[in-house]
């Protein structure tokens, strides 16, 4: 009986050691940061019907080869939208050469009127795109 108990305890320790030695916590994930990027150009339709979705092409700059689009950050006041591009940077060996990227921006309005879309070009300047919805 003592021999059986000793074997059982040894087996439990062996299995526990196996699980702890196979832990995957030694690998490090690449660094991820987000940063606001500035828009240089917006192209696309200037008219739309009510509830019709249009797509605008937004051109923006990233700091290096690790940069890519993350999301649009919007602030709305009446029929004016202020839109900023948030870029994400994944990795460490990215270089220092800036790059230009494009991303579609979807716009849809439920009421008629002239909508002013202001994309951040700098901290105080905007690329303005007007859309008339009938």
C-alpha atoms as a PDB file:
ATOM      1  CA  UNK A   1       0.000   0.000   0.000  1.00  0.00           C
ATOM      2  CA  UNK A   2       2.852   2.371   0.839  1.00  0.00           C
ATOM      3  CA  UNK A   3       4.459   1.581  -2.501  1.00  0.00           C
ATOM      4  CA  UNK A   4       1.201   2.420  -4.357  1.00  0.00           C
ATOM      5  CA  UNK A   5       0.860   5.745  -2.488  1.00  0.00           C
ATOM      6  CA  UNK A   6       4.500   6.604  -3.258  1.00  0.00           C
ATOM      7  CA  UNK A   7       3.978   5.893  -6.955  1.00  0.00           C
ATOM      8  CA  UNK A   8       0.803   7.999  -6.999  1.00  0.00           C
ATOM      9  CA  UNK A   9       2.513  10.967  -5.332  1.00  0.00           C
ATOM     10  CA  UNK A  10       5.487  10.633  -7.705  1.00  0.00           C
ATOM     11  CA  UNK A  11       3.130  10.558 -10.707  1.00  0.00           C
ATOM     12  CA  UNK A  12       1.278  13.672  -9.512  1.00  0.00           C
ATOM     13  CA  UNK A  13       4.576  15.556  -9.055  1.00  0.00           C
ATOM     14  CA  UNK A  14       5.776  14.409 -12.487  1.00  0.00           C
ATOM     15  CA  UNK A  15       2.583  15.625 -14.197  1.00  0.00           C
ATOM     16  CA  UNK A  16       2.635  18.941 -12.295  1.00  0.00           C
ATOM     17  CA  UNK A  17       6.266  19.508 -13.288  1.00  0.00           C
ATOM     18  CA  UNK A  18       5.372  18.772 -16.908  1.00  0.00           C
ATOM     19  CA  UNK A  19       2.613  21.383 -16.964  1.00  0.00           C
ATOM     20  CA  UNK A  20       4.727  24.095 -15.375  1.00  0.00           C
ATOM     21  CA  UNK A  21       7.706  23.490 -17.645  1.00  0.00           C
ATOM     22  CA  UNK A  22       5.521  23.821 -20.764  1.00  0.00           C
ATOM     23  CA  UNK A  23       4.234  27.238 -19.828  1.00  0.00           C
ATOM     24  CA  UNK A  24       4.246  29.664 -22.772  1.00  0.00           C
ATOM     25  CA  UNK A  25       4.988  32.770 -20.717  1.00  0.00           C
ATOM     26  CA  UNK A  26       8.590  32.994 -21.968  1.00  0.00           C
ATOM     27  CA  UNK A  27       7.611  34.445 -25.336  1.00  0.00           C
ATOM     28  CA  UNK A  28       7.099  38.174 -25.476  1.00  0.00           C
ATOM     29  CA  UNK A  29       4.513  39.726 -27.745  1.00  0.00           C
ATOM     30  CA  UNK A  30       5.562  42.599 -29.987  1.00  0.00           C
ATOM     31  CA  UNK A  31       5.028  46.116 -28.679  1.00  0.00           C
ATOM     32  CA  UNK A  32       1.667  47.708 -29.594  1.00  0.00           C
ATOM     33  CA  UNK A  33       1.078  51.458 -29.436  1.00  0.00           C
ATOM     34  CA  UNK A  34      -1.563  53.753 -30.909  1.00  0.00           C
ATOM     35  CA  UNK A  35      -1.115  57.317 -32.075  1.00  0.00           C
ATOM     36  CA  UNK A  36      -3.138  59.926 -33.927  1.00  0.00           C
ATOM     37  CA  UNK A  37      -2.162  60.283 -37.598  1.00  0.00           C
ATOM     38  CA  UNK A  38      -2.875  63.296 -39.734  1.00  0.00           C
ATOM     39  CA  UNK A  39      -4.876  63.217 -42.980  1.00  0.00           C
ATOM     40  CA  UNK A  40      -3.438  64.654 -46.180  1.00  0.00           C
ATOM     41  CA  UNK A  41      -6.236  63.937 -48.696  1.00  0.00           C
ATOM     42  CA  UNK A  42      -9.914  62.908 -48.807  1.00  0.00           C
ATOM     43  CA  UNK A  43     -11.587  61.889 -52.084  1.00  0.00           C
ATOM     44  CA  UNK A  44     -15.012  60.567 -52.925  1.00  0.00           C
ATOM     45  CA  UNK A  45     -18.625  61.476 -53.582  1.00  0.00           C
ATOM     46  CA  UNK A  46     -19.979  64.881 -52.598  1.00  0.00           C
ATOM     47  CA  UNK A  47     -23.666  63.964 -52.937  1.00  0.00           C
ATOM     48  CA  UNK A  48     -25.779  61.148 -51.545  1.00  0.00           C
ATOM     49  CA  UNK A  49     -29.382  60.141 -51.025  1.00  0.00           C
ATOM     50  CA  UNK A  50     -30.930  59.793 -47.572  1.00  0.00           C
ATOM     51  CA  UNK A  51     -29.746  56.521 -45.941  1.00  0.00           C
ATOM     52  CA  UNK A  52     -27.315  55.857 -48.804  1.00  0.00           C
ATOM     53  CA  UNK A  53     -23.850  54.848 -47.636  1.00  0.00           C
ATOM     54  CA  UNK A  54     -20.967  56.428 -49.507  1.00  0.00           C
ATOM     55  CA  UNK A  55     -17.295  55.585 -49.223  1.00  0.00           C
ATOM     56  CA  UNK A  56     -14.579  58.214 -49.048  1.00  0.00           C
ATOM     57  CA  UNK A  57     -10.888  57.399 -49.486  1.00  0.00           C
ATOM     58  CA  UNK A  58      -8.827  58.883 -46.660  1.00  0.00           C
ATOM     59  CA  UNK A  59      -5.053  59.234 -47.133  1.00  0.00           C
ATOM     60  CA  UNK A  60      -2.948  59.588 -43.988  1.00  0.00           C
ATOM     61  CA  UNK A  61       0.681  59.288 -42.883  1.00  0.00           C
ATOM     62  CA  UNK A  62       2.249  56.798 -40.468  1.00  0.00           C
ATOM     63  CA  UNK A  63       5.661  57.242 -38.847  1.00  0.00           C
ATOM     64  CA  UNK A  64       7.278  53.998 -40.021  1.00  0.00           C
ATOM     65  CA  UNK A  65       6.768  50.560 -41.596  1.00  0.00           C
ATOM     66  CA  UNK A  66       5.040  49.170 -38.462  1.00  0.00           C
ATOM     67  CA  UNK A  67       2.176  51.675 -38.749  1.00  0.00           C
ATOM     68  CA  UNK A  68      -1.282  50.730 -39.971  1.00  0.00           C
ATOM     69  CA  UNK A  69      -4.887  51.912 -39.612  1.00  0.00           C
ATOM     70  CA  UNK A  70      -6.602  51.263 -36.269  1.00  0.00           C
ATOM     71  CA  UNK A  71      -9.845  53.290 -36.272  1.00  0.00           C
ATOM     72  CA  UNK A  72     -11.595  56.581 -36.968  1.00  0.00           C
ATOM     73  CA  UNK A  73     -12.343  58.732 -33.916  1.00  0.00           C
ATOM     74  CA  UNK A  74     -15.402  60.938 -34.513  1.00  0.00           C
ATOM     75  CA  UNK A  75     -16.920  63.927 -32.751  1.00  0.00           C
ATOM     76  CA  UNK A  76     -20.314  65.108 -34.015  1.00  0.00           C
ATOM     77  CA  UNK A  77     -21.925  68.511 -33.572  1.00  0.00           C
ATOM     78  CA  UNK A  78     -25.157  69.022 -35.545  1.00  0.00           C
ATOM     79  CA  UNK A  79     -24.227  68.302 -39.206  1.00  0.00           C
ATOM     80  CA  UNK A  80     -20.473  68.669 -38.680  1.00  0.00           C
ATOM     81  CA  UNK A  81     -18.230  65.710 -37.925  1.00  0.00           C
ATOM     82  CA  UNK A  82     -14.640  66.090 -36.789  1.00  0.00           C
ATOM     83  CA  UNK A  83     -12.747  62.923 -37.657  1.00  0.00           C
ATOM     84  CA  UNK A  84      -9.277  61.846 -36.540  1.00  0.00           C
ATOM     85  CA  UNK A  85      -7.363  58.790 -37.723  1.00  0.00           C
ATOM     86  CA  UNK A  86      -5.837  56.563 -35.058  1.00  0.00           C
ATOM     87  CA  UNK A  87      -2.936  54.426 -36.277  1.00  0.00           C
ATOM     88  CA  UNK A  88      -1.487  51.408 -34.518  1.00  0.00           C
ATOM     89  CA  UNK A  89       2.165  50.434 -34.441  1.00  0.00           C
ATOM     90  CA  UNK A  90       3.060  46.776 -33.863  1.00  0.00           C
ATOM     91  CA  UNK A  91       6.695  45.762 -33.503  1.00  0.00           C
ATOM     92  CA  UNK A  92      10.059  47.200 -32.590  1.00  0.00           C
ATOM     93  CA  UNK A  93      12.298  47.106 -35.675  1.00  0.00           C
ATOM     94  CA  UNK A  94      10.287  49.479 -37.827  1.00  0.00           C
ATOM     95  CA  UNK A  95      12.784  51.955 -39.208  1.00  0.00           C
ATOM     96  CA  UNK A  96      12.144  55.669 -39.358  1.00  0.00           C
ATOM     97  CA  UNK A  97      10.818  56.141 -42.892  1.00  0.00           C
ATOM     98  CA  UNK A  98       7.294  57.607 -42.939  1.00  0.00           C
ATOM     99  CA  UNK A  99       4.701  55.940 -45.151  1.00  0.00           C
ATOM    100  CA  UNK A 100       1.361  56.925 -46.651  1.00  0.00           C
ATOM    101  CA  UNK A 101      -1.698  54.712 -46.158  1.00  0.00           C
ATOM    102  CA  UNK A 102      -5.321  54.856 -47.355  1.00  0.00           C
ATOM    103  CA  UNK A 103      -8.474  53.667 -45.655  1.00  0.00           C
ATOM    104  CA  UNK A 104     -12.148  53.895 -46.703  1.00  0.00           C
ATOM    105  CA  UNK A 105     -14.407  56.037 -44.518  1.00  0.00           C
ATOM    106  CA  UNK A 106     -18.111  55.140 -44.664  1.00  0.00           C
ATOM    107  CA  UNK A 107     -20.667  57.953 -44.360  1.00  0.00           C
ATOM    108  CA  UNK A 108     -24.461  57.689 -44.202  1.00  0.00           C
ATOM    109  CA  UNK A 109     -27.046  60.315 -43.212  1.00  0.00           C
ATOM    110  CA  UNK A 110     -30.676  59.797 -42.211  1.00  0.00           C
ATOM    111  CA  UNK A 111     -31.778  63.390 -42.891  1.00  0.00           C
ATOM    112  CA  UNK A 112     -31.305  65.778 -45.798  1.00  0.00           C
ATOM    113  CA  UNK A 113     -28.839  68.635 -45.609  1.00  0.00           C
ATOM    114  CA  UNK A 114     -25.223  69.611 -46.112  1.00  0.00           C
ATOM    115  CA  UNK A 115     -22.807  67.677 -43.922  1.00  0.00           C
ATOM    116  CA  UNK A 116     -19.313  68.962 -43.194  1.00  0.00           C
ATOM    117  CA  UNK A 117     -16.712  66.281 -42.577  1.00  0.00           C
ATOM    118  CA  UNK A 118     -13.553  67.739 -41.044  1.00  0.00           C
ATOM    119  CA  UNK A 119     -10.577  65.351 -41.089  1.00  0.00           C
ATOM    120  CA  UNK A 120      -7.643  66.363 -38.871  1.00  0.00           C
ATOM    121  CA  UNK A 121      -4.727  67.596 -40.980  1.00  0.00           C
ATOM    122  CA  UNK A 122      -2.788  68.910 -37.972  1.00  0.00           C
ATOM    123  CA  UNK A 123      -3.592  69.878 -34.401  1.00  0.00           C
ATOM    124  CA  UNK A 124      -5.450  72.979 -35.643  1.00  0.00           C
ATOM    125  CA  UNK A 125      -6.076  72.414 -39.395  1.00  0.00           C
ATOM    126  CA  UNK A 126      -8.556  70.200 -41.237  1.00  0.00           C
ATOM    127  CA  UNK A 127      -9.169  68.656 -44.648  1.00  0.00           C
ATOM    128  CA  UNK A 128     -12.840  69.504 -45.200  1.00  0.00           C
ATOM    129  CA  UNK A 129     -15.167  67.372 -47.325  1.00  0.00           C
ATOM    130  CA  UNK A 130     -18.789  68.499 -47.800  1.00  0.00           C
ATOM    131  CA  UNK A 131     -21.540  66.001 -48.620  1.00  0.00           C
ATOM    132  CA  UNK A 132     -24.989  67.158 -49.766  1.00  0.00           C
ATOM    133  CA  UNK A 133     -27.707  64.664 -48.827  1.00  0.00           C
ATOM    134  CA  UNK A 134     -31.051  64.889 -50.689  1.00  0.00           C
END
